[in-house]
C-alpha atoms as a PDB file:
ATOM      1  CA  UNK A   1     -13.483 -12.410 -18.287  1.00  0.00           C
ATOM      2  CA  UNK A   2     -12.388 -12.231 -14.667  1.00  0.00           C
ATOM      3  CA  UNK A   3     -12.382 -15.145 -12.285  1.00  0.00           C
ATOM      4  CA  UNK A   4     -14.523 -14.769  -9.188  1.00  0.00           C
ATOM      5  CA  UNK A   5     -11.555 -14.987  -6.804  1.00  0.00           C
ATOM      6  CA  UNK A   6     -10.596 -11.565  -5.375  1.00  0.00           C
ATOM      7  CA  UNK A   7      -6.949 -10.476  -5.277  1.00  0.00           C
ATOM      8  CA  UNK A   8      -4.701 -10.941  -2.268  1.00  0.00           C
ATOM      9  CA  UNK A   9      -4.576  -7.595  -0.489  1.00  0.00           C
ATOM     10  CA  UNK A  10      -1.556  -5.932   1.142  1.00  0.00           C
ATOM     11  CA  UNK A  11      -1.744  -2.577   2.945  1.00  0.00           C
ATOM     12  CA  UNK A  12       1.431  -0.614   3.715  1.00  0.00           C
ATOM     13  CA  UNK A  13       1.131   1.573   6.801  1.00  0.00           C
ATOM     14  CA  UNK A  14       3.239   3.609   9.174  1.00  0.00           C
ATOM     15  CA  UNK A  15       2.014   6.624  11.107  1.00  0.00           C
ATOM     16  CA  UNK A  16       5.411   8.323  10.809  1.00  0.00           C
ATOM     17  CA  UNK A  17       6.244  10.172   7.606  1.00  0.00           C
ATOM     18  CA  UNK A  18       9.522   9.701   5.775  1.00  0.00           C
ATOM     19  CA  UNK A  19       9.955   5.948   6.365  1.00  0.00           C
ATOM     20  CA  UNK A  20       9.766   5.217   2.627  1.00  0.00           C
ATOM     21  CA  UNK A  21       6.290   3.680   2.728  1.00  0.00           C
ATOM     22  CA  UNK A  22       5.183   5.042  -0.650  1.00  0.00           C
ATOM     23  CA  UNK A  23       8.390   4.149  -2.501  1.00  0.00           C
ATOM     24  CA  UNK A  24       8.435   0.642  -1.022  1.00  0.00           C
ATOM     25  CA  UNK A  25       4.817   0.026  -2.039  1.00  0.00           C
ATOM     26  CA  UNK A  26       5.504   1.223  -5.577  1.00  0.00           C
ATOM     27  CA  UNK A  27       8.657  -0.886  -5.954  1.00  0.00           C
ATOM     28  CA  UNK A  28       7.001  -3.966  -4.497  1.00  0.00           C
ATOM     29  CA  UNK A  29       4.161  -3.710  -7.011  1.00  0.00           C
ATOM     30  CA  UNK A  30       6.625  -3.248  -9.856  1.00  0.00           C
ATOM     31  CA  UNK A  31       8.662  -6.247  -8.704  1.00  0.00           C
ATOM     32  CA  UNK A  32       5.593  -8.498  -8.405  1.00  0.00           C
ATOM     33  CA  UNK A  33       4.240  -7.548 -11.819  1.00  0.00           C
ATOM     34  CA  UNK A  34       7.608  -7.700 -13.597  1.00  0.00           C
ATOM     35  CA  UNK A  35       9.291 -10.729 -12.044  1.00  0.00           C
ATOM     36  CA  UNK A  36       6.295 -12.537 -10.558  1.00  0.00           C
ATOM     37  CA  UNK A  37       4.214 -12.485 -13.766  1.00  0.00           C
ATOM     38  CA  UNK A  38       1.233 -11.302 -11.722  1.00  0.00           C
ATOM     39  CA  UNK A  39      -1.375  -8.644 -12.410  1.00  0.00           C
ATOM     40  CA  UNK A  40      -1.136  -5.957  -9.728  1.00  0.00           C
ATOM     41  CA  UNK A  41      -3.544  -3.140  -8.879  1.00  0.00           C
ATOM     42  CA  UNK A  42      -2.043  -0.349  -6.758  1.00  0.00           C
ATOM     43  CA  UNK A  43      -4.249   2.123  -4.846  1.00  0.00           C
ATOM     44  CA  UNK A  44      -2.982   5.502  -3.639  1.00  0.00           C
ATOM     45  CA  UNK A  45      -5.299   6.317  -0.713  1.00  0.00           C
ATOM     46  CA  UNK A  46      -3.296   9.198   0.741  1.00  0.00           C
ATOM     47  CA  UNK A  47      -4.882  12.642   0.350  1.00  0.00           C
ATOM     48  CA  UNK A  48      -1.343  14.074   0.185  1.00  0.00           C
ATOM     49  CA  UNK A  49      -1.092  12.323  -3.217  1.00  0.00           C
ATOM     50  CA  UNK A  50       2.668  11.677  -2.949  1.00  0.00           C
ATOM     51  CA  UNK A  51       2.572   8.565  -5.117  1.00  0.00           C
ATOM     52  CA  UNK A  52       0.127  10.040  -7.616  1.00  0.00           C
ATOM     53  CA  UNK A  53       2.200  13.190  -8.000  1.00  0.00           C
ATOM     54  CA  UNK A  54       5.369  11.136  -8.482  1.00  0.00           C
ATOM     55  CA  UNK A  55       3.746   9.211 -11.318  1.00  0.00           C
ATOM     56  CA  UNK A  56       2.396  12.444 -12.801  1.00  0.00           C
ATOM     57  CA  UNK A  57       5.876  13.987 -13.044  1.00  0.00           C
ATOM     58  CA  UNK A  58       8.745  13.020 -15.276  1.00  0.00           C
ATOM     59  CA  UNK A  59      12.197  12.824 -13.704  1.00  0.00           C
ATOM     60  CA  UNK A  60      12.943  16.405 -14.836  1.00  0.00           C
ATOM     61  CA  UNK A  61       9.811  17.689 -13.052  1.00  0.00           C
ATOM     62  CA  UNK A  62       7.676  18.163 -16.166  1.00  0.00           C
ATOM     63  CA  UNK A  63       4.173  16.731 -16.388  1.00  0.00           C
ATOM     64  CA  UNK A  64       3.846  13.224 -17.782  1.00  0.00           C
ATOM     65  CA  UNK A  65       1.380  13.866 -20.603  1.00  0.00           C
ATOM     66  CA  UNK A  66      -0.077  10.360 -20.848  1.00  0.00           C
ATOM     67  CA  UNK A  67      -1.092  10.312 -17.185  1.00  0.00           C
ATOM     68  CA  UNK A  68      -2.281  13.911 -17.021  1.00  0.00           C
ATOM     69  CA  UNK A  69      -4.523  13.406 -20.077  1.00  0.00           C
ATOM     70  CA  UNK A  70      -5.931  10.219 -18.589  1.00  0.00           C
ATOM     71  CA  UNK A  71      -6.492  11.885 -15.206  1.00  0.00           C
ATOM     72  CA  UNK A  72      -8.422  14.726 -16.788  1.00  0.00           C
ATOM     73  CA  UNK A  73     -10.723  12.267 -18.600  1.00  0.00           C
ATOM     74  CA  UNK A  74     -11.162  10.255 -15.406  1.00  0.00           C
ATOM     75  CA  UNK A  75     -12.332  13.310 -13.459  1.00  0.00           C
ATOM     76  CA  UNK A  76     -14.625  14.492 -16.259  1.00  0.00           C
ATOM     77  CA  UNK A  77     -16.332  11.082 -16.346  1.00  0.00           C
ATOM     78  CA  UNK A  78     -16.651  10.838 -12.567  1.00  0.00           C
ATOM     79  CA  UNK A  79     -14.362   7.816 -12.316  1.00  0.00           C
ATOM     80  CA  UNK A  80     -12.177   8.746  -9.336  1.00  0.00           C
ATOM     81  CA  UNK A  81     -11.772   6.998  -5.994  1.00  0.00           C
ATOM     82  CA  UNK A  82     -13.688   9.816  -4.302  1.00  0.00           C
ATOM     83  CA  UNK A  83     -16.601   9.533  -6.741  1.00  0.00           C
ATOM     84  CA  UNK A  84     -16.676   5.822  -5.980  1.00  0.00           C
ATOM     85  CA  UNK A  85     -16.917   6.636  -2.263  1.00  0.00           C
ATOM     86  CA  UNK A  86     -19.759   9.085  -2.945  1.00  0.00           C
ATOM     87  CA  UNK A  87     -21.607   6.429  -4.929  1.00  0.00           C
ATOM     88  CA  UNK A  88     -21.066   3.890  -2.147  1.00  0.00           C
ATOM     89  CA  UNK A  89     -22.144   6.089   0.769  1.00  0.00           C
ATOM     90  CA  UNK A  90     -24.932   7.932  -1.074  1.00  0.00           C
ATOM     91  CA  UNK A  91     -28.193   6.490  -2.300  1.00  0.00           C
ATOM     92  CA  UNK A  92     -28.887   2.743  -1.857  1.00  0.00           C
ATOM     93  CA  UNK A  93     -27.147   0.532  -4.395  1.00  0.00           C
ATOM     94  CA  UNK A  94     -23.500   0.817  -5.385  1.00  0.00           C
ATOM     95  CA  UNK A  95     -23.770   1.942  -9.015  1.00  0.00           C
ATOM     96  CA  UNK A  96     -20.168   2.400 -10.105  1.00  0.00           C
ATOM     97  CA  UNK A  97     -18.787   0.584 -13.138  1.00  0.00           C
ATOM     98  CA  UNK A  98     -15.113  -0.395 -13.269  1.00  0.00           C
ATOM     99  CA  UNK A  99     -13.155   0.226 -16.450  1.00  0.00           C
ATOM    100  CA  UNK A 100      -9.984   1.926 -17.649  1.00  0.00           C
ATOM    101  CA  UNK A 101     -11.428   5.351 -16.841  1.00  0.00           C
ATOM    102  CA  UNK A 102     -11.045   4.323 -13.178  1.00  0.00           C
ATOM    103  CA  UNK A 103      -7.892   2.202 -13.555  1.00  0.00           C
ATOM    104  CA  UNK A 104      -4.724   3.636 -15.112  1.00  0.00           C
ATOM    105  CA  UNK A 105      -2.423   1.232 -16.977  1.00  0.00           C
ATOM    106  CA  UNK A 106       1.201   1.794 -15.976  1.00  0.00           C
ATOM    107  CA  UNK A 107       2.323  -1.363 -17.793  1.00  0.00           C
ATOM    108  CA  UNK A 108       0.453  -4.396 -19.139  1.00  0.00           C
ATOM    109  CA  UNK A 109       0.473  -6.026 -15.697  1.00  0.00           C
ATOM    110  CA  UNK A 110       0.837  -3.060 -13.348  1.00  0.00           C
ATOM    111  CA  UNK A 111      -2.267  -0.870 -12.933  1.00  0.00           C
ATOM    112  CA  UNK A 112      -3.037   2.080 -10.690  1.00  0.00           C
ATOM    113  CA  UNK A 113      -5.938   3.860  -8.980  1.00  0.00           C
ATOM    114  CA  UNK A 114      -4.674   7.368  -8.131  1.00  0.00           C
ATOM    115  CA  UNK A 115      -5.501   9.606  -5.222  1.00  0.00           C
ATOM    116  CA  UNK A 116      -7.409  12.874  -5.659  1.00  0.00           C
ATOM    117  CA  UNK A 117      -7.528  16.082  -3.633  1.00  0.00           C
ATOM    118  CA  UNK A 118     -11.172  15.406  -2.733  1.00  0.00           C
ATOM    119  CA  UNK A 119      -9.997  12.719  -0.286  1.00  0.00           C
ATOM    120  CA  UNK A 120      -9.291  15.535   2.171  1.00  0.00           C
ATOM    121  CA  UNK A 121     -13.068  15.657   2.724  1.00  0.00           C
ATOM    122  CA  UNK A 122     -12.883  12.234   4.369  1.00  0.00           C
ATOM    123  CA  UNK A 123     -10.617  13.640   7.058  1.00  0.00           C
ATOM    124  CA  UNK A 124     -13.222  16.295   7.902  1.00  0.00           C
ATOM    125  CA  UNK A 125     -15.683  13.647   9.014  1.00  0.00           C
ATOM    126  CA  UNK A 126     -18.351  14.420   6.399  1.00  0.00           C
ATOM    127  CA  UNK A 127     -18.889  10.702   5.725  1.00  0.00           C
ATOM    128  CA  UNK A 128     -20.131   8.335   8.408  1.00  0.00           C
ATOM    129  CA  UNK A 129     -17.607   5.683   9.551  1.00  0.00           C
ATOM    130  CA  UNK A 130     -20.181   2.897   9.537  1.00  0.00           C
ATOM    131  CA  UNK A 131     -21.014   3.586   5.891  1.00  0.00           C
ATOM    132  CA  UNK A 132     -17.352   3.239   4.950  1.00  0.00           C
ATOM    133  CA  UNK A 133     -16.755  -0.135   6.595  1.00  0.00           C
ATOM    134  CA  UNK A 134     -17.288  -2.256   3.511  1.00  0.00           C
ATOM    135  CA  UNK A 135     -16.154   0.163   0.806  1.00  0.00           C
ATOM    136  CA  UNK A 136     -12.813  -1.447  -0.070  1.00  0.00           C
ATOM    137  CA  UNK A 137     -14.309  -4.939   0.108  1.00  0.00           C
ATOM    138  CA  UNK A 138     -17.071  -3.925  -2.286  1.00  0.00           C
ATOM    139  CA  UNK A 139     -14.914  -1.917  -4.706  1.00  0.00           C
ATOM    140  CA  UNK A 140     -12.597  -4.922  -4.965  1.00  0.00           C
ATOM    141  CA  UNK A 141     -15.658  -7.048  -5.607  1.00  0.00           C
ATOM    142  CA  UNK A 142     -16.603  -4.793  -8.503  1.00  0.00           C
ATOM    143  CA  UNK A 143     -13.038  -4.956  -9.825  1.00  0.00           C
ATOM    144  CA  UNK A 144     -13.055  -8.751  -9.591  1.00  0.00           C
ATOM    145  CA  UNK A 145     -16.342  -9.128 -11.462  1.00  0.00           C
ATOM    146  CA  UNK A 146     -15.691  -6.456 -14.080  1.00  0.00           C
ATOM    147  CA  UNK A 147     -15.196  -7.661 -17.647  1.00  0.00           C
ATOM    148  CA  UNK A 148     -13.381  -4.432 -18.504  1.00  0.00           C
ATOM    149  CA  UNK A 149     -10.196  -5.002 -16.486  1.00  0.00           C
ATOM    150  CA  UNK A 150      -8.019  -8.098 -15.973  1.00  0.00           C
ATOM    151  CA  UNK A 151      -8.049 -10.555 -13.121  1.00  0.00           C
ATOM    152  CA  UNK A 152      -5.711  -9.063 -10.500  1.00  0.00           C
ATOM    153  CA  UNK A 153      -3.628 -11.397  -8.397  1.00  0.00           C
ATOM    154  CA  UNK A 154      -2.653  -8.712  -5.870  1.00  0.00           C
ATOM    155  CA  UNK A 155      -4.037  -5.378  -4.721  1.00  0.00           C
ATOM    156  CA  UNK A 156      -1.604  -3.069  -2.909  1.00  0.00           C
ATOM    157  CA  UNK A 157      -2.674  -0.077  -0.835  1.00  0.00           C
ATOM    158  CA  UNK A 158      -0.483   2.915  -0.008  1.00  0.00           C
ATOM    159  CA  UNK A 159      -2.286   4.120   3.122  1.00  0.00           C
ATOM    160  CA  UNK A 160      -2.074   7.630   4.616  1.00  0.00           C
ATOM    161  CA  UNK A 161       0.222   8.333   7.603  1.00  0.00           C
ATOM    162  CA  UNK A 162      -2.801   8.551   9.889  1.00  0.00           C
ATOM    163  CA  UNK A 163      -5.839   6.424  10.644  1.00  0.00           C
ATOM    164  CA  UNK A 164      -8.586   7.617   8.264  1.00  0.00           C
ATOM    165  CA  UNK A 165     -11.915   6.170   7.159  1.00  0.00           C
ATOM    166  CA  UNK A 166     -10.166   4.656   4.141  1.00  0.00           C
ATOM    167  CA  UNK A 167      -7.493   3.121   6.381  1.00  0.00           C
ATOM    168  CA  UNK A 168     -10.251   1.558   8.455  1.00  0.00           C
ATOM    169  CA  UNK A 169     -11.921   0.143   5.370  1.00  0.00           C
ATOM    170  CA  UNK A 170      -8.642  -1.249   3.993  1.00  0.00           C
ATOM    171  CA  UNK A 171      -7.312  -2.768   7.207  1.00  0.00           C
ATOM    172  CA  UNK A 172     -10.619  -4.468   7.970  1.00  0.00           C
ATOM    173  CA  UNK A 173     -10.429  -6.482   4.751  1.00  0.00           C
ATOM    174  CA  UNK A 174      -6.742  -6.918   3.825  1.00  0.00           C
ATOM    175  CA  UNK A 175      -4.771 -10.156   4.031  1.00  0.00           C
ATOM    176  CA  UNK A 176      -1.545  -8.560   5.219  1.00  0.00           C
ATOM    177  CA  UNK A 177      -0.454  -5.328   6.892  1.00  0.00           C
ATOM    178  CA  UNK A 178       3.092  -4.382   5.880  1.00  0.00           C
ATOM    179  CA  UNK A 179       4.993  -2.030   8.203  1.00  0.00           C
ATOM    180  CA  UNK A 180       8.342  -0.570   7.058  1.00  0.00           C
ATOM    181  CA  UNK A 181      10.594   0.757   9.800  1.00  0.00           C
ATOM    182  CA  UNK A 182      13.831   2.722   9.688  1.00  0.00           C
ATOM    183  CA  UNK A 183      16.964   2.088  11.776  1.00  0.00           C
ATOM    184  CA  UNK A 184      16.244   4.740  14.378  1.00  0.00           C
ATOM    185  CA  UNK A 185      14.764   5.285  17.816  1.00  0.00           C
ATOM    186  CA  UNK A 186      11.252   5.937  16.466  1.00  0.00           C
ATOM    187  CA  UNK A 187      11.013   2.401  15.113  1.00  0.00           C
ATOM    188  CA  UNK A 188      11.508   1.002  18.607  1.00  0.00           C
ATOM    189  CA  UNK A 189       8.865   3.327  20.059  1.00  0.00           C
ATOM    190  CA  UNK A 190       6.510   3.681  17.090  1.00  0.00           C
ATOM    191  CA  UNK A 191       5.891   0.070  16.054  1.00  0.00           C
ATOM    192  CA  UNK A 192       4.378  -0.970  19.415  1.00  0.00           C
ATOM    193  CA  UNK A 193       2.058   2.054  19.230  1.00  0.00           C
ATOM    194  CA  UNK A 194       0.783   0.848  15.850  1.00  0.00           C
ATOM    195  CA  UNK A 195       0.406  -2.762  16.978  1.00  0.00           C
ATOM    196  CA  UNK A 196      -1.262  -1.894  20.271  1.00  0.00           C
ATOM    197  CA  UNK A 197      -3.947   0.216  18.557  1.00  0.00           C
ATOM    198  CA  UNK A 198      -4.720  -2.028  15.556  1.00  0.00           C
ATOM    199  CA  UNK A 199      -7.119  -4.316  17.389  1.00  0.00           C
ATOM    200  CA  UNK A 200      -9.019  -1.371  18.844  1.00  0.00           C
ATOM    201  CA  UNK A 201      -9.188   0.276  15.424  1.00  0.00           C
ATOM    202  CA  UNK A 202     -10.214  -2.754  13.361  1.00  0.00           C
ATOM    203  CA  UNK A 203     -12.546  -4.725  15.642  1.00  0.00           C
ATOM    204  CA  UNK A 204     -14.998  -6.370  15.207  1.00  0.00           C
ATOM    205  CA  UNK A 205     -13.269  -7.399  11.967  1.00  0.00           C
ATOM    206  CA  UNK A 206     -10.509 -10.051  12.214  1.00  0.00           C
ATOM    207  CA  UNK A 207      -6.966  -8.744  12.497  1.00  0.00           C
ATOM    208  CA  UNK A 208      -4.807  -9.485   9.410  1.00  0.00           C
ATOM    209  CA  UNK A 209      -1.320 -10.907   9.514  1.00  0.00           C
ATOM    210  CA  UNK A 210       1.297  -8.219  10.137  1.00  0.00           C
ATOM    211  CA  UNK A 211       4.790  -8.177   8.610  1.00  0.00           C
ATOM    212  CA  UNK A 212       7.500  -5.749   9.731  1.00  0.00           C
ATOM    213  CA  UNK A 213      10.745  -5.149   7.835  1.00  0.00           C
ATOM    214  CA  UNK A 214      13.682  -2.760   7.877  1.00  0.00           C
ATOM    215  CA  UNK A 215      13.734  -0.087   5.174  1.00  0.00           C
ATOM    216  CA  UNK A 216      16.682   2.262   4.571  1.00  0.00           C
ATOM    217  CA  UNK A 217      19.013  -0.111   6.389  1.00  0.00           C
ATOM    218  CA  UNK A 218      22.605   1.117   6.344  1.00  0.00           C
ATOM    219  CA  UNK A 219      24.785  -1.326   4.346  1.00  0.00           C
ATOM    220  CA  UNK A 220      28.155  -2.607   5.512  1.00  0.00           C
ATOM    221  CA  UNK A 221      30.283  -5.547   4.323  1.00  0.00           C
ATOM    222  CA  UNK A 222      27.402  -7.413   2.658  1.00  0.00           C
ATOM    223  CA  UNK A 223      24.956  -6.797   5.495  1.00  0.00           C
ATOM    224  CA  UNK A 224      23.707  -4.112   7.859  1.00  0.00           C
ATOM    225  CA  UNK A 225      25.847  -1.803   9.953  1.00  0.00           C
ATOM    226  CA  UNK A 226      26.129  -2.504  13.659  1.00  0.00           C
ATOM    227  CA  UNK A 227      23.754   0.387  14.370  1.00  0.00           C
ATOM    228  CA  UNK A 228      21.098  -0.911  11.950  1.00  0.00           C
ATOM    229  CA  UNK A 229      21.406  -4.431  13.400  1.00  0.00           C
ATOM    230  CA  UNK A 230      20.952  -3.005  16.896  1.00  0.00           C
ATOM    231  CA  UNK A 231      17.747  -1.185  16.012  1.00  0.00           C
ATOM    232  CA  UNK A 232      16.426  -4.224  14.133  1.00  0.00           C
ATOM    233  CA  UNK A 233      17.010  -6.451  17.175  1.00  0.00           C
ATOM    234  CA  UNK A 234      15.097  -3.934  19.282  1.00  0.00           C
ATOM    235  CA  UNK A 235      12.237  -3.894  16.759  1.00  0.00           C
ATOM    236  CA  UNK A 236      12.085  -7.707  16.903  1.00  0.00           C
ATOM    237  CA  UNK A 237      11.942  -7.545  20.700  1.00  0.00           C
ATOM    238  CA  UNK A 238       9.153  -4.969  20.954  1.00  0.00           C
ATOM    239  CA  UNK A 239       7.160  -6.683  18.169  1.00  0.00           C
ATOM    240  CA  UNK A 240       7.242  -9.966  20.071  1.00  0.00           C
ATOM    241  CA  UNK A 241       6.073  -8.209  23.229  1.00  0.00           C
ATOM    242  CA  UNK A 242       3.280  -6.282  21.485  1.00  0.00           C
ATOM    243  CA  UNK A 243       2.136  -9.344  19.537  1.00  0.00           C
ATOM    244  CA  UNK A 244       1.893 -11.372  22.725  1.00  0.00           C
ATOM    245  CA  UNK A 245       0.065  -8.596  24.569  1.00  0.00           C
ATOM    246  CA  UNK A 246      -2.496  -7.923  21.839  1.00  0.00           C
ATOM    247  CA  UNK A 247      -2.709 -11.515  20.517  1.00  0.00           C
ATOM    248  CA  UNK A 248      -1.571 -10.535  17.021  1.00  0.00           C
ATOM    249  CA  UNK A 249       0.154 -12.633  14.363  1.00  0.00           C
ATOM    250  CA  UNK A 250       3.277 -10.566  13.693  1.00  0.00           C
ATOM    251  CA  UNK A 251       6.390 -11.613  11.787  1.00  0.00           C
ATOM    252  CA  UNK A 252       9.611  -9.632  11.526  1.00  0.00           C
ATOM    253  CA  UNK A 253      11.017 -10.294   8.057  1.00  0.00           C
ATOM    254  CA  UNK A 254      14.819 -10.401   8.022  1.00  0.00           C
ATOM    255  CA  UNK A 255      14.813  -9.006   4.473  1.00  0.00           C
ATOM    256  CA  UNK A 256      16.114  -5.423   4.684  1.00  0.00           C
ATOM    257  CA  UNK A 257      15.875  -2.854   1.903  1.00  0.00           C
ATOM    258  CA  UNK A 258      19.212  -1.072   1.929  1.00  0.00           C
ATOM    259  CA  UNK A 259      19.620   2.694   1.798  1.00  0.00           C
ATOM    260  CA  UNK A 260      20.936   3.749  -1.611  1.00  0.00           C
ATOM    261  CA  UNK A 261      20.494   7.000  -3.539  1.00  0.00           C
ATOM    262  CA  UNK A 262      18.823   5.354  -6.561  1.00  0.00           C
ATOM    263  CA  UNK A 263      15.733   4.317  -4.577  1.00  0.00           C
ATOM    264  CA  UNK A 264      14.567   7.942  -4.399  1.00  0.00           C
ATOM    265  CA  UNK A 265      14.176   7.995  -8.194  1.00  0.00           C
ATOM    266  CA  UNK A 266      12.419   4.630  -8.487  1.00  0.00           C
ATOM    267  CA  UNK A 267       8.907   5.963  -9.153  1.00  0.00           C
ATOM    268  CA  UNK A 268       9.782   8.667 -11.667  1.00  0.00           C
ATOM    269  CA  UNK A 269      12.163   6.402 -13.592  1.00  0.00           C
ATOM    270  CA  UNK A 270       9.493   3.758 -14.013  1.00  0.00           C
ATOM    271  CA  UNK A 271      10.700   0.737 -12.095  1.00  0.00           C
ATOM    272  CA  UNK A 272      12.816  -0.885  -9.418  1.00  0.00           C
ATOM    273  CA  UNK A 273      16.472   0.160  -9.923  1.00  0.00           C
ATOM    274  CA  UNK A 274      18.630  -2.887 -10.802  1.00  0.00           C
ATOM    275  CA  UNK A 275      20.627  -2.686  -7.572  1.00  0.00           C
ATOM    276  CA  UNK A 276      17.391  -3.078  -5.577  1.00  0.00           C
ATOM    277  CA  UNK A 277      15.902  -6.056  -7.413  1.00  0.00           C
ATOM    278  CA  UNK A 278      17.416  -8.683  -5.106  1.00  0.00           C
ATOM    279  CA  UNK A 279      16.362  -6.703  -2.001  1.00  0.00           C
ATOM    280  CA  UNK A 280      12.748  -6.645  -3.148  1.00  0.00           C
ATOM    281  CA  UNK A 281      12.825 -10.254  -4.362  1.00  0.00           C
ATOM    282  CA  UNK A 282      13.914 -11.298  -0.863  1.00  0.00           C
ATOM    283  CA  UNK A 283      11.226  -9.125   0.717  1.00  0.00           C
ATOM    284  CA  UNK A 284       8.556 -10.576  -1.567  1.00  0.00           C
ATOM    285  CA  UNK A 285       9.698 -14.129  -0.814  1.00  0.00           C
ATOM    286  CA  UNK A 286       9.338 -13.433   2.904  1.00  0.00           C
ATOM    287  CA  UNK A 287       5.888 -11.922   2.387  1.00  0.00           C
ATOM    288  CA  UNK A 288       4.559 -14.797   0.277  1.00  0.00           C
ATOM    289  CA  UNK A 289       5.879 -17.408   2.690  1.00  0.00           C
ATOM    290  CA  UNK A 290       4.124 -15.603   5.548  1.00  0.00           C
ATOM    291  CA  UNK A 291       0.891 -15.235   3.563  1.00  0.00           C
ATOM    292  CA  UNK A 292       0.889 -18.964   2.788  1.00  0.00           C
ATOM    293  CA  UNK A 293       1.540 -20.129   6.353  1.00  0.00           C
END
C-alpha cells in the first residue's frame, strides 16, 4: 500500500527544440531508478510523442511488441492521459482509477505514462485553462493513494516545447523546473525569455526552484572546450540577471552532459550508456542538493 506522501516532481522544459530535453529526462529517470534505488514515474506530456515513439520502437525501427500490445489495451480501456483529462474536466468528481492499464512498467522501478495523439486537442483550446489548473496535482494524488501501483519517490515530466495547458498544470505544482541548454547563442538569448515569462505564466501559484545545466557540451581535455565554457559563463550571467529581476530562485548546475554519439541511442537501447553514467550521477547530485536546500 502506498504512503500518503506524494513524489518529488521535476519538470524538464525548454521552448527550443533539439536541446536534448527528452533524452535527458529519460536518462535522468533511468539513472535515478537504477542507481538511486528509487521508484520513478515518467510522464510524456508532449503531443509530438517523441519519447513515447522512441520507447515504442526497437533500435532497428521495428515496433516493440510488449509496449504496443500494452498501449492498445490502455486505449481500449480508456486509461490514457487524455482520458484522465476528460474525466477531470468533465462532470463533477474525478472518477479515474490508477492501475497498470494507465502506467506502463519499463523496469521494476521505472514506470511510464505515455503521450497520445489526442493531446493535440489541448492546443486547440477546447478545454478551459481554469479547469486544468489542478489536474497534475490531482492525478498525482490518485497515483499516491492507489493500491495498484507502488509508492513513487520521483515524478518526472517531459514537457512540450511550448506553453500548453498541461505545462501550466505541471509547472504550478512541481518542486523543480529543469532547463537544459546547449553551447550556442540561443542559450544566452533563450533562457532569459523562459525565466522572465515563468512568473507571469504560473502566478498565482508559487514559483518552483529552477535549475539550469549545459547539455551537449563539447568535451576537451577532461572538461569543456573553450567555446562551451564561454557560452556557459554567459548563461550563468544572464540567469543571475533574470533571477534578480523576476525574484526567482535559479541555480546554474556546473554538471555538464557531454556531447557523445551514444546518447542518441539511449532510449531505444533501454538505459543510460555506460560512458554517460558519471555525467548523470553528477547532474543528479547537483539537483538533489538544490532540492534539499
